[in-house]
Protein backbone atom coordinates (compact mmCIF):
# COMPACT_ATOMS: atom_id res chain seq x y z
CA UNK A 1 9.46 -6.52 18.11
CA UNK A 2 11.00 -3.77 16.01
CA UNK A 3 14.11 -1.67 16.18
CA UNK A 4 13.30 2.03 16.48
CA UNK A 5 15.61 5.00 16.28
CA UNK A 6 14.49 8.62 16.61
CA UNK A 7 15.00 10.75 13.54
CA UNK A 8 15.99 14.25 14.59
CA UNK A 9 17.35 15.51 11.28
CA UNK A 10 15.27 16.41 8.27
CA UNK A 11 14.46 13.45 6.03
CA UNK A 12 14.52 14.08 2.31
CA UNK A 13 12.61 12.02 -0.26
CA UNK A 14 15.94 10.63 -1.51
CA UNK A 15 16.88 9.48 2.00
CA UNK A 16 13.44 7.92 2.34
CA UNK A 17 13.86 5.87 -0.85
CA UNK A 18 17.29 4.70 0.32
CA UNK A 19 15.72 3.64 3.61
CA UNK A 20 13.10 1.54 1.83
CA UNK A 21 15.86 -0.06 -0.22
CA UNK A 22 17.53 -1.01 3.08
CA UNK A 23 14.31 -2.49 4.46
CA UNK A 24 13.35 0.24 6.93
CA UNK A 25 10.52 2.76 6.94
CA UNK A 26 9.47 5.80 9.00
CA UNK A 27 6.55 6.23 11.37
CA UNK A 28 5.41 8.81 13.89
CA UNK A 29 3.91 8.15 17.31
CA UNK A 30 0.90 10.28 16.42
CA UNK A 31 -0.27 12.92 13.98
CA UNK A 32 0.73 15.63 16.48
CA UNK A 33 4.24 14.26 17.10
CA UNK A 34 6.76 16.00 14.78
CA UNK A 35 9.40 13.30 15.31
CA UNK A 36 9.78 10.33 13.00
CA UNK A 37 11.21 6.92 13.84
CA UNK A 38 12.92 4.35 11.66
CA UNK A 39 11.16 1.01 11.97
CA UNK A 40 12.85 -2.34 11.24
CA UNK A 41 10.51 -5.13 12.42
CA UNK A 42 11.85 -8.54 13.41
CA UNK A 43 8.82 -10.01 11.62
CA UNK A 44 7.75 -8.33 8.39
CA UNK A 45 4.29 -8.48 6.84
CA UNK A 46 3.92 -9.34 3.17
CA UNK A 47 1.12 -10.47 0.89
CA UNK A 48 2.39 -13.06 -1.61
CA UNK A 49 1.13 -11.73 -4.94
CA UNK A 50 -0.18 -15.14 -6.00
CA UNK A 51 -1.92 -15.80 -2.69
CA UNK A 52 -4.30 -12.90 -2.14
CA UNK A 53 -7.39 -14.38 -0.49
CA UNK A 54 -10.57 -13.12 -2.14
CA UNK A 55 -13.75 -14.51 -0.62
CA UNK A 56 -16.68 -15.31 -2.88
CA UNK A 57 -18.61 -12.39 -1.38
CA UNK A 58 -15.74 -9.99 -2.00
CA UNK A 59 -15.32 -11.31 -5.54
CA UNK A 60 -19.00 -10.60 -6.21
CA UNK A 61 -18.58 -7.05 -4.92
CA UNK A 62 -15.50 -6.49 -7.08
CA UNK A 63 -17.13 -8.00 -10.18
CA UNK A 64 -20.31 -5.96 -9.72
CA UNK A 65 -18.40 -2.68 -10.16
CA UNK A 66 -20.51 -1.22 -7.41
CA UNK A 67 -17.44 0.88 -6.68
CA UNK A 68 -15.41 2.68 -9.33
CA UNK A 69 -11.67 2.25 -8.81
CA UNK A 70 -9.12 4.77 -10.09
CA UNK A 71 -5.38 5.21 -9.70
CA UNK A 72 -3.28 8.30 -8.92
CA UNK A 73 -6.21 10.69 -9.29
CA UNK A 74 -6.74 11.76 -5.68
CA UNK A 75 -3.52 11.02 -3.83
CA UNK A 76 -3.86 13.78 -1.23
CA UNK A 77 -7.47 12.83 -0.54
CA UNK A 78 -6.47 9.20 0.04
CA UNK A 79 -3.66 10.31 2.33
CA UNK A 80 -6.15 12.43 4.27
CA UNK A 81 -8.54 9.47 4.52
CA UNK A 82 -5.77 7.25 5.86
CA UNK A 83 -4.80 9.93 8.39
CA UNK A 84 -8.35 10.50 9.66
CA UNK A 85 -9.49 8.85 12.90
CA UNK A 86 -11.78 5.87 12.34
CA UNK A 87 -13.72 3.36 14.47
CA UNK A 88 -11.14 1.26 16.27
CA UNK A 89 -8.39 3.70 15.23
CA UNK A 90 -8.77 6.94 17.19
CA UNK A 91 -5.12 7.91 16.57
CA UNK A 92 -3.04 7.95 13.41
CA UNK A 93 0.71 7.91 12.80
CA UNK A 94 0.50 10.10 9.67
CA UNK A 95 1.81 13.52 10.66
CA UNK A 96 2.56 16.64 8.63
CA UNK A 97 6.10 15.52 7.77
CA UNK A 98 4.83 12.17 6.53
CA UNK A 99 2.30 13.90 4.28
CA UNK A 100 4.90 16.21 2.79
CA UNK A 101 7.42 13.44 2.13
CA UNK A 102 4.98 11.10 0.43
CA UNK A 103 3.41 13.87 -1.61
CA UNK A 104 6.85 14.61 -3.02
CA UNK A 105 7.38 10.92 -3.79
CA UNK A 106 3.99 10.94 -5.53
CA UNK A 107 5.11 13.85 -7.68
CA UNK A 108 8.23 11.83 -8.54
CA UNK A 109 6.06 8.80 -9.43
CA UNK A 110 7.51 6.68 -6.64
CA UNK A 111 4.27 6.83 -4.63
CA UNK A 112 0.85 5.75 -5.84
CA UNK A 113 -2.73 5.79 -4.67
CA UNK A 114 -5.71 3.59 -5.42
CA UNK A 115 -9.06 5.35 -4.99
CA UNK A 116 -12.46 3.74 -4.51
CA UNK A 117 -15.57 5.78 -5.28
CA UNK A 118 -19.25 5.25 -4.63
CA UNK A 119 -20.66 7.63 -7.20
CA UNK A 120 -18.74 10.87 -6.71
CA UNK A 121 -17.80 10.11 -3.11
CA UNK A 122 -14.39 8.75 -2.15
CA UNK A 123 -15.16 5.86 0.22
CA UNK A 124 -11.85 4.05 0.41
CA UNK A 125 -8.35 3.70 -0.87
CA UNK A 126 -4.72 2.98 -0.17
CA UNK A 127 -1.30 4.36 -0.97
CA UNK A 128 2.25 3.08 -1.06
CA UNK A 129 5.75 3.39 -2.46
CA UNK A 130 7.13 1.61 -5.53
CA UNK A 131 10.80 0.89 -6.00
CA UNK A 132 12.09 -1.59 -8.56
CA UNK A 133 9.66 -4.50 -8.47
CA UNK A 134 8.71 -3.90 -4.83
CA UNK A 135 5.60 -2.12 -3.59
CA UNK A 136 5.56 -0.94 0.01
CA UNK A 137 1.97 -0.56 1.20
CA UNK A 138 1.69 2.30 3.65
CA UNK A 139 -1.92 2.64 4.72
CA UNK A 140 -5.52 2.08 3.66
CA UNK A 141 -8.92 3.36 4.73
CA UNK A 142 -12.60 2.85 4.09
CA UNK A 143 -15.87 4.53 4.97
CA UNK A 144 -18.05 2.02 3.11
CA UNK A 145 -18.16 -1.74 3.41
CA UNK A 146 -15.31 -3.59 1.68
CA UNK A 147 -13.99 -0.43 -0.01
CA UNK A 148 -10.41 -0.93 1.23
CA UNK A 149 -10.55 -4.61 0.27
CA UNK A 150 -11.66 -3.67 -3.23
CA UNK A 151 -8.72 -1.26 -3.41
CA UNK A 152 -6.36 -4.05 -2.40
CA UNK A 153 -7.76 -6.44 -5.02
CA UNK A 154 -7.18 -3.83 -7.71
CA UNK A 155 -3.70 -3.07 -6.37
CA UNK A 156 -2.61 -6.71 -6.44
CA UNK A 157 -4.05 -7.15 -9.94
CA UNK A 158 -2.02 -4.15 -11.07
CA UNK A 159 1.15 -5.39 -9.38
CA UNK A 160 0.80 -8.81 -10.97
CA UNK A 161 0.19 -7.30 -14.40
CA UNK A 162 3.19 -5.02 -13.99
CA UNK A 163 5.68 -7.69 -12.99
CA UNK A 164 6.07 -6.77 -9.32
CA UNK A 165 7.61 -9.38 -7.04
CA UNK A 166 6.99 -8.07 -3.53
CA UNK A 167 4.07 -6.48 -1.70
CA UNK A 168 5.22 -5.30 1.71
CA UNK A 169 2.50 -4.61 4.30
CA UNK A 170 5.00 -3.73 7.08
CA UNK A 171 2.93 -5.43 9.80
CA UNK A 172 0.18 -8.05 9.76
CA UNK A 173 -3.19 -7.16 11.25
CA UNK A 174 -6.09 -9.59 11.52
CA UNK A 175 -7.73 -7.70 8.66
CA UNK A 176 -4.69 -8.24 6.41
CA UNK A 177 -4.25 -11.83 7.58
CA UNK A 178 -7.77 -12.60 6.38
CA UNK A 179 -6.67 -11.39 2.93
CA UNK A 180 -3.60 -13.60 2.80
CA UNK A 181 -0.91 -11.58 4.58
CA UNK A 182 1.82 -13.56 6.31
CA UNK A 183 4.81 -12.75 8.48
CA UNK A 184 8.36 -13.53 7.42
CA UNK A 185 11.61 -13.10 9.30
CA UNK A 186 13.70 -10.00 8.76
CA UNK A 187 16.37 -12.11 7.03
CA UNK A 188 13.87 -13.69 4.66
CA UNK A 189 12.31 -10.32 3.94
CA UNK A 190 15.68 -8.86 2.98
CA UNK A 191 16.25 -11.71 0.54
CA UNK A 192 12.87 -11.03 -1.07
CA UNK A 193 13.58 -7.31 -1.13
CA UNK A 194 16.99 -7.76 -2.76
CA UNK A 195 15.47 -9.80 -5.59
CA UNK A 196 12.63 -7.32 -6.07
CA UNK A 197 14.92 -4.30 -6.19
CA UNK A 198 17.06 -5.97 -8.84
CA UNK A 199 14.05 -6.36 -11.16
CA UNK A 200 12.00 -3.91 -13.16
CA UNK A 201 8.24 -3.44 -12.90
CA UNK A 202 5.61 -1.15 -14.35
CA UNK A 203 2.83 0.23 -12.14
CA UNK A 204 1.10 1.54 -15.26
CA UNK A 205 0.98 -1.81 -17.07
CA UNK A 206 -2.79 -1.59 -16.58
CA UNK A 207 -4.28 1.66 -17.86
CA UNK A 208 -4.07 4.41 -15.26
CA UNK A 209 -6.13 6.88 -17.28
CA UNK A 210 -9.39 4.97 -17.03
CA UNK A 211 -10.91 2.71 -14.36
CA UNK A 212 -10.15 -1.01 -14.63
CA UNK A 213 -13.25 -3.16 -14.32
CA UNK A 214 -13.66 -5.58 -11.46
CA UNK A 215 -13.84 -8.50 -13.90
CA UNK A 216 -10.51 -7.51 -15.43
CA UNK A 217 -8.93 -7.15 -12.00
CA UNK A 218 -10.08 -10.62 -10.96
CA UNK A 219 -8.85 -12.05 -14.26
CA UNK A 220 -5.35 -10.74 -13.56
CA UNK A 221 -5.46 -12.35 -10.11
CA UNK A 222 -6.42 -15.67 -11.67
CA UNK A 223 -3.82 -15.54 -14.43
CA UNK A 224 -0.75 -17.71 -14.02
CA UNK A 225 2.41 -15.75 -13.29
């Protein structure tokens, strides 16, 4: 279950960051619904940064560099990909207000995207918010096999390299559970969040100007924290 309150006033990027620091986040019922709701789940999804599950097949795909992975180069395109209907997801919660808010946070360097390319074609990616040593994953998408999983592997490698302490997934789907996501109580989540917000982290600890190889990403996952 989750607490939900309708937001009728305009939300600013500053209010949004304060909400994340309090453990709540906004969602819309659908892309056509202009209203936003504050969400505060009883059970919160996280991926422990030292427990990402990478299958041997996924590791081979990452190591092969079949896909080229970049960071913060196509934020709006990733947001559009996450907002687009997909098989098994005919509706999306990303409305116009959501897009505007997170684009502003991206301009302020509080929001980041990971892009996955097959040649010149964007085939997957994810985006989320960084605050202190916490990263709040918002959404991911793929149009090619394993593209979103590759994005997640590169994200976790970057978070580990940068000293992050918390990767929030909001909810746990079967897809995320297969990658190591777990549910924690609201109280436990707030303890993790408090510690993460009190620490510093660097999203750009790995080069953001050039793609990181799959081998390097896997090496950061294997390194002891």
